[in-house]
């Protein structure tokens, strides 16, 4: 499929893998089958975003969600620098608010990605915190929040703080190293 940088297996569709039910937006990943060969051929899912509709610089973002329980899924609520058409990832910046991998039911990742801080660099400081919880995030709804100021980005789950990344702690003060002072747009998807 299109991969979107993570070698993801699904194709994103418009409308086919999304519905509104009981006041909730539901993203439905599906295994698509070849009915003649009677075997799975690919996965489909949906990614929605606010690019060109609503962009944000600083504030508090909250996502109330129940993560997917299926193995192989990756539930995510995240933000990407609105200038990603001219500055590609990771220069545009990425803020992961909710990142839940289906096989790791009690784990969440809290991450920031930039030029010097991303998973492709072996020599850089990773702005990723992997937290193990006592709950399975696919069992019930939880509130995932990110508080974003000019000085820091802090992550919360159900009102409790779990990690904070401070701009002042970044040894490289260039704009590309800390691109989190400009507009970002919101993305919700299940990969």
N, C-alpha and C. Protein backbone atom coordinates (compact mmCIF):
# COMPACT_ATOMS: atom_id res chain seq x y z
N UNK A 1 0.85 -1.19 0.00
CA UNK A 1 0.00 0.00 0.00
C UNK A 1 0.88 1.24 0.00
N UNK A 2 0.28 2.39 0.29
CA UNK A 2 1.04 3.65 0.19
C UNK A 2 2.09 3.81 1.28
N UNK A 3 1.98 3.04 2.36
CA UNK A 3 3.03 3.01 3.38
C UNK A 3 3.09 4.21 4.29
N UNK A 4 3.03 5.39 3.78
CA UNK A 4 3.09 6.64 4.52
C UNK A 4 4.28 6.67 5.46
N UNK A 5 5.42 6.16 5.04
CA UNK A 5 6.64 6.26 5.83
C UNK A 5 6.85 5.17 6.85
N UNK A 6 5.83 4.41 7.20
CA UNK A 6 5.96 3.37 8.21
C UNK A 6 5.80 1.96 7.65
N UNK A 7 5.84 1.85 6.34
CA UNK A 7 5.63 0.56 5.67
C UNK A 7 4.31 -0.06 6.11
N UNK A 8 3.29 0.78 6.25
CA UNK A 8 1.97 0.31 6.65
C UNK A 8 1.36 -0.51 5.53
N UNK A 9 0.53 -1.44 5.90
CA UNK A 9 -0.01 -2.41 4.97
C UNK A 9 -1.32 -1.97 4.32
N UNK A 10 -2.03 -1.04 4.94
CA UNK A 10 -3.37 -0.71 4.48
C UNK A 10 -3.39 0.33 3.37
N UNK A 11 -4.52 0.35 2.65
CA UNK A 11 -4.86 1.45 1.76
C UNK A 11 -5.91 2.28 2.49
N UNK A 12 -5.77 3.60 2.44
CA UNK A 12 -6.77 4.45 3.07
C UNK A 12 -7.87 4.75 2.06
N UNK A 13 -9.12 4.63 2.50
CA UNK A 13 -10.28 4.86 1.64
C UNK A 13 -11.01 6.11 2.10
N UNK A 14 -11.90 6.60 1.27
CA UNK A 14 -12.76 7.72 1.65
C UNK A 14 -14.17 7.19 1.86
N UNK A 15 -14.64 7.24 3.09
CA UNK A 15 -16.02 6.88 3.38
C UNK A 15 -16.29 5.42 3.65
N UNK A 16 -15.57 4.53 3.08
CA UNK A 16 -15.84 3.09 3.19
C UNK A 16 -15.53 2.53 4.57
N UNK A 17 -14.54 3.06 5.24
CA UNK A 17 -14.07 2.50 6.51
C UNK A 17 -14.35 3.41 7.69
N UNK A 18 -15.40 4.18 7.60
CA UNK A 18 -15.71 5.12 8.67
C UNK A 18 -17.22 5.22 8.84
N UNK A 19 -17.65 5.38 10.10
CA UNK A 19 -19.07 5.59 10.36
C UNK A 19 -19.22 6.37 11.66
N UNK A 20 -20.42 6.90 11.87
CA UNK A 20 -20.77 7.56 13.11
C UNK A 20 -21.79 6.68 13.81
N UNK A 21 -21.51 6.35 15.09
CA UNK A 21 -22.37 5.44 15.83
C UNK A 21 -22.42 5.88 17.28
N UNK A 22 -23.63 6.10 17.81
CA UNK A 22 -23.82 6.52 19.20
C UNK A 22 -22.97 7.74 19.56
N UNK A 23 -22.91 8.71 18.66
CA UNK A 23 -22.17 9.93 18.90
C UNK A 23 -20.66 9.81 18.74
N UNK A 24 -20.19 8.68 18.24
CA UNK A 24 -18.76 8.45 18.09
C UNK A 24 -18.37 8.27 16.63
N UNK A 25 -17.20 8.75 16.29
CA UNK A 25 -16.58 8.48 15.00
C UNK A 25 -15.91 7.12 15.12
N UNK A 26 -16.21 6.20 14.21
CA UNK A 26 -15.65 4.85 14.27
C UNK A 26 -14.84 4.61 12.99
N UNK A 27 -13.56 4.29 13.16
CA UNK A 27 -12.70 3.92 12.04
C UNK A 27 -12.62 2.39 12.03
N UNK A 28 -12.93 1.80 10.86
CA UNK A 28 -13.03 0.35 10.76
C UNK A 28 -11.98 -0.19 9.79
N UNK A 29 -10.87 -0.72 10.32
CA UNK A 29 -9.92 -1.39 9.42
C UNK A 29 -10.51 -2.73 8.98
N UNK A 30 -10.31 -3.07 7.72
CA UNK A 30 -10.86 -4.32 7.20
C UNK A 30 -9.82 -5.07 6.39
N UNK A 31 -9.88 -6.39 6.50
CA UNK A 31 -9.11 -7.24 5.60
C UNK A 31 -9.97 -7.43 4.36
N UNK A 32 -9.45 -7.05 3.21
CA UNK A 32 -10.19 -7.18 1.95
C UNK A 32 -9.82 -8.50 1.30
N UNK A 33 -10.82 -9.22 0.83
CA UNK A 33 -10.62 -10.57 0.30
C UNK A 33 -10.84 -10.63 -1.21
N UNK A 34 -10.09 -11.50 -1.84
CA UNK A 34 -10.33 -11.88 -3.22
C UNK A 34 -11.34 -13.01 -3.16
N UNK A 35 -12.58 -12.72 -3.59
CA UNK A 35 -13.65 -13.70 -3.45
C UNK A 35 -13.45 -14.92 -4.35
N UNK A 36 -12.75 -14.75 -5.45
CA UNK A 36 -12.49 -15.88 -6.33
C UNK A 36 -11.44 -16.79 -5.71
N UNK A 37 -10.31 -16.20 -5.31
CA UNK A 37 -9.23 -17.00 -4.72
C UNK A 37 -9.52 -17.35 -3.26
N UNK A 38 -10.51 -16.68 -2.67
CA UNK A 38 -10.89 -16.91 -1.27
C UNK A 38 -9.71 -16.72 -0.32
N UNK A 39 -9.01 -15.57 -0.50
CA UNK A 39 -7.89 -15.27 0.39
C UNK A 39 -7.79 -13.76 0.57
N UNK A 40 -7.22 -13.34 1.69
CA UNK A 40 -7.04 -11.90 1.91
C UNK A 40 -6.00 -11.33 0.95
N UNK A 41 -6.26 -10.13 0.44
CA UNK A 41 -5.33 -9.52 -0.50
C UNK A 41 -4.74 -8.21 0.01
N UNK A 42 -5.47 -7.46 0.82
CA UNK A 42 -4.93 -6.24 1.41
C UNK A 42 -5.87 -5.76 2.51
N UNK A 43 -5.41 -4.76 3.28
CA UNK A 43 -6.22 -4.14 4.32
C UNK A 43 -6.66 -2.76 3.86
N UNK A 44 -7.82 -2.34 4.34
CA UNK A 44 -8.27 -0.98 4.09
C UNK A 44 -8.59 -0.33 5.43
N UNK A 45 -8.46 0.98 5.48
CA UNK A 45 -8.76 1.74 6.69
C UNK A 45 -9.02 3.19 6.28
N UNK A 46 -9.08 4.07 7.25
CA UNK A 46 -9.34 5.49 6.98
C UNK A 46 -8.40 6.36 7.80
N UNK A 47 -8.01 7.46 7.20
CA UNK A 47 -7.27 8.51 7.91
C UNK A 47 -8.00 9.81 7.61
N UNK A 48 -8.37 10.54 8.66
CA UNK A 48 -9.01 11.83 8.48
C UNK A 48 -8.10 12.91 9.06
N UNK A 49 -8.19 14.12 8.50
CA UNK A 49 -7.33 15.19 9.01
C UNK A 49 -7.99 16.55 8.84
N UNK A 50 -7.42 17.53 9.50
CA UNK A 50 -7.96 18.89 9.46
C UNK A 50 -7.14 19.83 8.59
N UNK A 51 -6.22 19.28 7.79
CA UNK A 51 -5.35 20.13 6.96
C UNK A 51 -6.19 21.03 6.05
N UNK A 52 -5.89 22.32 6.07
CA UNK A 52 -6.62 23.28 5.26
C UNK A 52 -7.97 23.65 5.82
N UNK A 53 -8.40 22.98 6.87
CA UNK A 53 -9.69 23.26 7.50
C UNK A 53 -9.50 23.92 8.87
N UNK A 54 -8.59 23.34 9.66
CA UNK A 54 -8.31 23.88 10.99
C UNK A 54 -6.89 23.49 11.39
N UNK A 55 -6.11 24.49 11.72
CA UNK A 55 -4.74 24.26 12.17
C UNK A 55 -4.55 24.91 13.52
N UNK A 56 -3.60 24.41 14.29
CA UNK A 56 -3.43 24.82 15.68
C UNK A 56 -1.98 25.14 15.98
N UNK A 57 -1.75 26.16 16.81
CA UNK A 57 -0.44 26.45 17.37
C UNK A 57 -0.66 26.69 18.86
N UNK A 58 -0.16 25.80 19.68
CA UNK A 58 -0.30 25.84 21.13
C UNK A 58 -1.74 25.54 21.56
N UNK A 59 -1.86 25.16 22.81
CA UNK A 59 -3.17 24.85 23.37
C UNK A 59 -3.19 23.45 23.93
N UNK A 60 -4.38 22.99 24.23
CA UNK A 60 -4.57 21.65 24.77
C UNK A 60 -5.45 20.87 23.79
N UNK A 61 -4.94 19.75 23.36
CA UNK A 61 -5.69 18.86 22.47
C UNK A 61 -6.09 17.63 23.27
N UNK A 62 -7.36 17.24 23.18
CA UNK A 62 -7.82 16.03 23.84
C UNK A 62 -8.51 15.13 22.84
N UNK A 63 -8.22 13.85 22.95
CA UNK A 63 -8.87 12.84 22.12
C UNK A 63 -9.47 11.81 23.07
N UNK A 64 -10.77 11.66 23.02
CA UNK A 64 -11.44 10.61 23.80
C UNK A 64 -11.63 9.45 22.86
N UNK A 65 -10.98 8.32 23.15
CA UNK A 65 -10.98 7.21 22.20
C UNK A 65 -10.86 5.86 22.89
N UNK A 66 -11.31 4.86 22.16
CA UNK A 66 -11.07 3.47 22.53
C UNK A 66 -10.19 2.91 21.42
N UNK A 67 -9.03 2.39 21.78
CA UNK A 67 -8.07 1.90 20.78
C UNK A 67 -8.55 0.57 20.20
N UNK A 68 -8.06 0.27 19.02
CA UNK A 68 -8.38 -1.00 18.38
C UNK A 68 -7.75 -2.14 19.15
N UNK A 69 -8.49 -3.25 19.28
CA UNK A 69 -7.92 -4.40 20.00
C UNK A 69 -7.32 -5.43 19.07
N UNK A 70 -7.48 -5.28 17.78
CA UNK A 70 -7.00 -6.28 16.83
C UNK A 70 -5.48 -6.26 16.73
N UNK A 71 -4.88 -7.45 16.69
CA UNK A 71 -3.44 -7.54 16.48
C UNK A 71 -3.12 -6.94 15.12
N UNK A 72 -1.98 -6.27 15.07
CA UNK A 72 -1.55 -5.69 13.80
C UNK A 72 -2.09 -4.30 13.54
N UNK A 73 -2.93 -3.77 14.43
CA UNK A 73 -3.46 -2.42 14.24
C UNK A 73 -2.62 -1.41 15.01
N UNK A 74 -2.75 -0.16 14.57
CA UNK A 74 -1.99 0.94 15.16
C UNK A 74 -2.93 2.13 15.23
N UNK A 75 -3.59 2.33 16.38
CA UNK A 75 -4.52 3.45 16.56
C UNK A 75 -3.71 4.71 16.84
N UNK A 76 -4.07 5.80 16.17
CA UNK A 76 -3.27 7.02 16.33
C UNK A 76 -4.12 8.28 16.23
N UNK A 77 -3.78 9.23 17.10
CA UNK A 77 -4.26 10.60 17.03
C UNK A 77 -3.02 11.45 17.11
N UNK A 78 -2.72 12.19 16.05
CA UNK A 78 -1.44 12.88 16.00
C UNK A 78 -1.55 14.16 15.20
N UNK A 79 -0.47 14.93 15.21
CA UNK A 79 -0.45 16.21 14.51
C UNK A 79 0.80 16.28 13.65
N UNK A 80 0.65 16.95 12.52
CA UNK A 80 1.75 17.11 11.58
C UNK A 80 1.87 18.60 11.25
N UNK A 81 3.11 19.08 11.09
CA UNK A 81 3.33 20.47 10.74
C UNK A 81 2.59 20.82 9.45
N UNK A 82 1.83 21.90 9.47
CA UNK A 82 1.02 22.29 8.32
C UNK A 82 1.86 22.65 7.10
N UNK A 83 3.15 22.86 7.29
CA UNK A 83 4.04 23.18 6.17
C UNK A 83 4.64 21.92 5.56
N UNK A 84 4.01 20.75 5.77
CA UNK A 84 4.60 19.50 5.29
C UNK A 84 4.62 19.39 3.76
N UNK A 85 3.98 20.31 3.06
CA UNK A 85 4.09 20.33 1.59
C UNK A 85 5.44 20.89 1.15
N UNK A 86 6.03 21.77 1.96
CA UNK A 86 7.32 22.37 1.61
C UNK A 86 8.47 21.86 2.47
N UNK A 87 8.17 21.43 3.69
CA UNK A 87 9.18 20.82 4.57
C UNK A 87 8.73 19.41 4.87
N UNK A 88 9.42 18.44 4.30
CA UNK A 88 8.99 17.06 4.47
C UNK A 88 9.30 16.57 5.88
N UNK A 89 8.70 15.44 6.23
CA UNK A 89 8.94 14.82 7.52
C UNK A 89 10.39 14.37 7.58
N UNK A 90 11.09 14.58 8.64
CA UNK A 90 10.66 15.05 9.95
C UNK A 90 10.83 16.56 10.16
N UNK A 91 11.30 17.29 9.11
CA UNK A 91 11.53 18.74 9.28
C UNK A 91 10.25 19.50 9.64
N UNK A 92 9.09 19.04 9.16
CA UNK A 92 7.83 19.73 9.45
C UNK A 92 7.39 19.52 10.90
N UNK A 93 7.88 18.46 11.54
CA UNK A 93 7.51 18.15 12.92
C UNK A 93 6.29 17.24 13.00
N UNK A 94 6.28 16.43 14.03
CA UNK A 94 5.15 15.52 14.31
C UNK A 94 4.97 15.44 15.81
N UNK A 95 3.71 15.51 16.25
CA UNK A 95 3.35 15.39 17.66
C UNK A 95 2.37 14.23 17.77
N UNK A 96 2.76 13.16 18.44
CA UNK A 96 1.88 12.00 18.61
C UNK A 96 1.16 12.13 19.95
N UNK A 97 -0.16 12.26 19.90
CA UNK A 97 -0.97 12.40 21.11
C UNK A 97 -1.41 11.03 21.61
N UNK A 98 -1.89 10.21 20.71
CA UNK A 98 -2.31 8.84 21.01
C UNK A 98 -1.61 7.93 20.02
N UNK A 99 -0.83 7.01 20.53
CA UNK A 99 -0.18 6.03 19.66
C UNK A 99 -0.23 4.70 20.39
N UNK A 100 -1.09 3.81 19.88
CA UNK A 100 -1.35 2.53 20.53
C UNK A 100 -1.22 1.42 19.50
N UNK A 101 -0.31 0.50 19.76
CA UNK A 101 -0.10 -0.63 18.86
C UNK A 101 -0.89 -1.81 19.41
N UNK A 102 -1.78 -2.39 18.58
CA UNK A 102 -2.74 -3.40 19.01
C UNK A 102 -2.17 -4.58 19.77
N UNK A 103 -0.99 -5.04 19.41
CA UNK A 103 -0.43 -6.21 20.09
C UNK A 103 0.14 -5.85 21.47
N UNK A 104 0.35 -4.57 21.72
CA UNK A 104 0.86 -4.10 23.01
C UNK A 104 -0.27 -3.40 23.76
N UNK A 105 -1.24 -4.14 24.18
CA UNK A 105 -2.51 -3.60 24.67
C UNK A 105 -2.39 -2.62 25.84
N UNK A 106 -1.35 -2.75 26.65
CA UNK A 106 -1.21 -1.90 27.83
C UNK A 106 -0.08 -0.88 27.70
N UNK A 107 0.34 -0.61 26.47
CA UNK A 107 1.43 0.33 26.22
C UNK A 107 0.95 1.50 25.39
N UNK A 108 1.49 2.67 25.66
CA UNK A 108 1.30 3.85 24.83
C UNK A 108 2.66 4.45 24.55
N UNK A 109 2.77 5.08 23.39
CA UNK A 109 3.98 5.81 23.04
C UNK A 109 3.64 7.30 23.01
N UNK A 110 4.46 8.11 23.65
CA UNK A 110 4.32 9.57 23.60
C UNK A 110 5.55 10.07 22.85
N UNK A 111 5.35 10.69 21.69
CA UNK A 111 6.50 11.03 20.84
C UNK A 111 6.39 12.41 20.22
N UNK A 112 7.57 13.01 20.02
CA UNK A 112 7.76 14.18 19.17
C UNK A 112 8.79 13.78 18.12
N UNK A 113 8.60 14.24 16.90
CA UNK A 113 9.57 13.96 15.84
C UNK A 113 9.99 15.28 15.19
N UNK A 114 11.29 15.42 14.99
CA UNK A 114 11.84 16.59 14.32
C UNK A 114 13.13 16.16 13.63
N UNK A 115 13.85 17.11 13.08
CA UNK A 115 15.10 16.81 12.36
C UNK A 115 16.06 15.97 13.21
N UNK A 116 16.33 16.42 14.42
CA UNK A 116 17.30 15.73 15.27
C UNK A 116 16.70 14.68 16.19
N UNK A 117 15.40 14.65 16.28
CA UNK A 117 14.73 13.75 17.22
C UNK A 117 13.69 12.92 16.48
N UNK A 118 14.13 11.79 15.95
CA UNK A 118 13.20 10.89 15.27
C UNK A 118 13.79 9.50 15.26
N UNK A 119 12.94 8.53 15.00
CA UNK A 119 13.36 7.13 15.10
C UNK A 119 14.32 6.69 14.01
N UNK A 120 14.56 7.50 13.00
CA UNK A 120 15.49 7.11 11.93
C UNK A 120 16.93 7.45 12.29
N UNK A 121 17.13 8.27 13.33
CA UNK A 121 18.48 8.67 13.73
C UNK A 121 18.98 7.78 14.85
N UNK A 122 20.16 7.28 14.68
CA UNK A 122 20.78 6.45 15.72
C UNK A 122 21.57 7.31 16.72
N UNK A 123 21.99 8.52 16.29
CA UNK A 123 22.84 9.36 17.13
C UNK A 123 22.07 10.45 17.88
N UNK A 124 20.79 10.61 17.58
CA UNK A 124 20.03 11.69 18.20
C UNK A 124 19.29 11.24 19.45
N UNK A 125 18.87 12.18 20.24
CA UNK A 125 18.04 11.91 21.42
C UNK A 125 16.64 11.63 20.92
N UNK A 126 16.06 10.54 21.38
CA UNK A 126 14.69 10.21 21.00
C UNK A 126 13.72 10.92 21.93
N UNK A 127 12.76 11.60 21.36
CA UNK A 127 11.67 12.17 22.15
C UNK A 127 10.51 11.19 22.10
N UNK A 128 10.74 9.99 22.60
CA UNK A 128 9.70 8.96 22.66
C UNK A 128 9.75 8.33 24.04
N UNK A 129 8.59 8.25 24.67
CA UNK A 129 8.47 7.61 25.96
C UNK A 129 7.46 6.49 25.82
N UNK A 130 7.87 5.27 26.15
CA UNK A 130 7.00 4.10 26.11
C UNK A 130 6.56 3.81 27.53
N UNK A 131 5.24 3.90 27.78
CA UNK A 131 4.72 3.73 29.13
C UNK A 131 3.83 2.48 29.18
N UNK A 132 4.03 1.65 30.21
CA UNK A 132 3.18 0.49 30.45
C UNK A 132 2.16 0.86 31.50
N UNK A 133 0.91 0.52 31.24
CA UNK A 133 -0.21 0.85 32.13
C UNK A 133 -0.82 -0.42 32.70
N UNK A 134 -1.73 -0.26 33.64
CA UNK A 134 -2.45 -1.39 34.22
C UNK A 134 -3.74 -1.69 33.47
N UNK A 135 -4.06 -0.93 32.45
CA UNK A 135 -5.32 -1.12 31.72
C UNK A 135 -5.05 -1.47 30.26
N UNK A 136 -6.00 -2.15 29.65
CA UNK A 136 -5.97 -2.45 28.22
C UNK A 136 -6.76 -1.33 27.54
N UNK A 137 -6.10 -0.53 26.73
CA UNK A 137 -6.73 0.65 26.13
C UNK A 137 -7.79 0.32 25.10
N UNK A 138 -7.94 -0.95 24.75
CA UNK A 138 -9.00 -1.34 23.82
C UNK A 138 -10.27 -1.75 24.56
N UNK A 139 -10.23 -1.81 25.90
CA UNK A 139 -11.40 -2.21 26.67
C UNK A 139 -12.40 -1.08 26.89
N UNK A 140 -11.93 0.15 26.94
CA UNK A 140 -12.82 1.26 27.27
C UNK A 140 -12.26 2.56 26.71
N UNK A 141 -13.06 3.61 26.78
CA UNK A 141 -12.63 4.93 26.34
C UNK A 141 -11.72 5.57 27.38
N UNK A 142 -10.71 6.30 26.89
CA UNK A 142 -9.81 7.07 27.73
C UNK A 142 -9.59 8.42 27.08
N UNK A 143 -9.16 9.39 27.87
CA UNK A 143 -8.88 10.72 27.34
C UNK A 143 -7.37 10.90 27.25
N UNK A 144 -6.90 11.07 26.01
CA UNK A 144 -5.48 11.28 25.72
C UNK A 144 -5.33 12.76 25.43
N UNK A 145 -4.43 13.43 26.15
CA UNK A 145 -4.30 14.87 25.99
C UNK A 145 -2.85 15.27 25.83
N UNK A 146 -2.69 16.41 25.15
CA UNK A 146 -1.37 17.00 24.95
C UNK A 146 -1.52 18.49 25.22
N UNK A 147 -0.71 19.00 26.13
CA UNK A 147 -0.69 20.43 26.43
C UNK A 147 0.55 21.00 25.77
N UNK A 148 0.36 22.02 24.95
CA UNK A 148 1.41 22.53 24.07
C UNK A 148 1.57 24.02 24.29
N UNK A 149 2.75 24.43 24.75
CA UNK A 149 3.06 25.84 24.92
C UNK A 149 4.33 26.16 24.12
N UNK A 150 4.76 27.40 24.16
CA UNK A 150 6.00 27.76 23.45
C UNK A 150 7.23 27.15 24.13
N UNK A 151 7.06 26.68 25.37
CA UNK A 151 8.19 26.16 26.14
C UNK A 151 8.23 24.64 26.31
N UNK A 152 7.09 23.97 26.16
CA UNK A 152 7.06 22.52 26.39
C UNK A 152 5.85 21.86 25.74
N UNK A 153 5.92 20.53 25.66
CA UNK A 153 4.78 19.70 25.27
C UNK A 153 4.68 18.61 26.33
N UNK A 154 3.49 18.51 26.94
CA UNK A 154 3.27 17.55 28.03
C UNK A 154 2.11 16.64 27.68
N UNK A 155 2.25 15.35 28.04
CA UNK A 155 1.26 14.33 27.70
C UNK A 155 0.51 13.85 28.94
N UNK A 156 -0.81 13.61 28.75
CA UNK A 156 -1.68 13.17 29.83
C UNK A 156 -2.55 12.01 29.35
N UNK A 157 -2.90 11.12 30.27
CA UNK A 157 -3.92 10.10 30.03
C UNK A 157 -4.87 10.17 31.21
N UNK A 158 -6.14 10.37 30.90
CA UNK A 158 -7.18 10.48 31.93
C UNK A 158 -6.80 11.47 33.02
N UNK A 159 -6.21 12.60 32.61
CA UNK A 159 -5.90 13.69 33.51
C UNK A 159 -4.56 13.60 34.22
N UNK A 160 -3.86 12.48 34.09
CA UNK A 160 -2.57 12.31 34.77
C UNK A 160 -1.43 12.53 33.78
N UNK A 161 -0.44 13.34 34.20
CA UNK A 161 0.72 13.63 33.36
C UNK A 161 1.68 12.43 33.35
N UNK A 162 2.19 12.11 32.15
CA UNK A 162 3.12 10.99 32.02
C UNK A 162 4.49 11.39 31.50
N UNK A 163 4.58 12.44 30.72
CA UNK A 163 5.91 12.91 30.31
C UNK A 163 5.80 14.33 29.77
N UNK A 164 6.94 14.99 29.78
CA UNK A 164 7.00 16.38 29.33
C UNK A 164 8.32 16.59 28.61
N UNK A 165 8.25 17.19 27.44
CA UNK A 165 9.45 17.54 26.68
C UNK A 165 9.58 19.05 26.69
N UNK A 166 10.72 19.55 27.20
CA UNK A 166 10.95 20.99 27.32
C UNK A 166 11.84 21.49 26.19
N UNK A 167 11.43 22.58 25.58
CA UNK A 167 12.23 23.18 24.52
C UNK A 167 13.62 23.54 25.04
N UNK A 168 13.71 24.04 26.26
CA UNK A 168 15.00 24.46 26.83
C UNK A 168 15.98 23.30 26.98
N UNK A 169 15.47 22.06 27.05
CA UNK A 169 16.34 20.89 27.19
C UNK A 169 16.95 20.45 25.87
N UNK A 170 16.47 20.99 24.77
CA UNK A 170 16.97 20.61 23.44
C UNK A 170 18.31 21.32 23.23
N UNK A 171 19.36 20.55 23.04
CA UNK A 171 20.70 21.14 22.88
C UNK A 171 20.84 21.89 21.56
N UNK A 172 20.05 21.54 20.56
CA UNK A 172 20.06 22.23 19.27
C UNK A 172 18.84 23.13 19.22
N UNK A 173 19.02 24.43 19.31
CA UNK A 173 17.89 25.37 19.37
C UNK A 173 17.44 25.86 17.99
N UNK A 174 17.86 25.19 16.92
CA UNK A 174 17.44 25.62 15.58
C UNK A 174 15.97 25.31 15.36
N UNK A 175 15.39 26.00 14.41
CA UNK A 175 13.97 25.83 14.10
C UNK A 175 13.67 24.40 13.65
N UNK A 176 14.57 23.79 12.88
CA UNK A 176 14.33 22.43 12.40
C UNK A 176 14.41 21.41 13.52
N UNK A 177 15.15 21.68 14.56
CA UNK A 177 15.23 20.76 15.68
C UNK A 177 13.99 20.84 16.56
N UNK A 178 13.44 22.04 16.73
CA UNK A 178 12.22 22.24 17.53
C UNK A 178 11.21 22.99 16.66
N UNK A 179 10.53 22.30 15.74
CA UNK A 179 9.61 22.97 14.82
C UNK A 179 8.20 23.15 15.40
N UNK A 180 8.07 23.05 16.73
CA UNK A 180 6.76 23.02 17.36
C UNK A 180 6.28 24.41 17.78
N UNK A 181 6.60 25.40 16.97
CA UNK A 181 6.18 26.77 17.26
C UNK A 181 5.46 27.37 16.06
N UNK A 182 4.78 26.53 15.31
CA UNK A 182 4.04 26.96 14.12
C UNK A 182 2.79 26.10 13.99
N UNK A 183 1.92 26.38 13.02
CA UNK A 183 0.66 25.63 12.90
C UNK A 183 0.86 24.15 12.57
N UNK A 184 0.04 23.33 13.21
CA UNK A 184 -0.05 21.90 12.98
C UNK A 184 -1.51 21.54 12.70
N UNK A 185 -1.74 20.44 11.98
CA UNK A 185 -3.09 19.96 11.80
C UNK A 185 -3.24 18.59 12.44
N UNK A 186 -4.48 18.22 12.76
CA UNK A 186 -4.79 17.00 13.49
C UNK A 186 -5.10 15.85 12.51
N UNK A 187 -4.64 14.64 12.85
CA UNK A 187 -4.90 13.44 12.05
C UNK A 187 -5.39 12.34 12.99
N UNK A 188 -6.43 11.63 12.58
CA UNK A 188 -6.92 10.45 13.30
C UNK A 188 -6.91 9.29 12.31
N UNK A 189 -6.33 8.16 12.71
CA UNK A 189 -6.32 7.01 11.81
C UNK A 189 -6.11 5.71 12.58
N UNK A 190 -6.41 4.62 11.91
CA UNK A 190 -6.03 3.28 12.36
C UNK A 190 -5.26 2.64 11.23
N UNK A 191 -4.00 2.38 11.48
CA UNK A 191 -3.15 1.75 10.46
C UNK A 191 -3.16 0.25 10.69
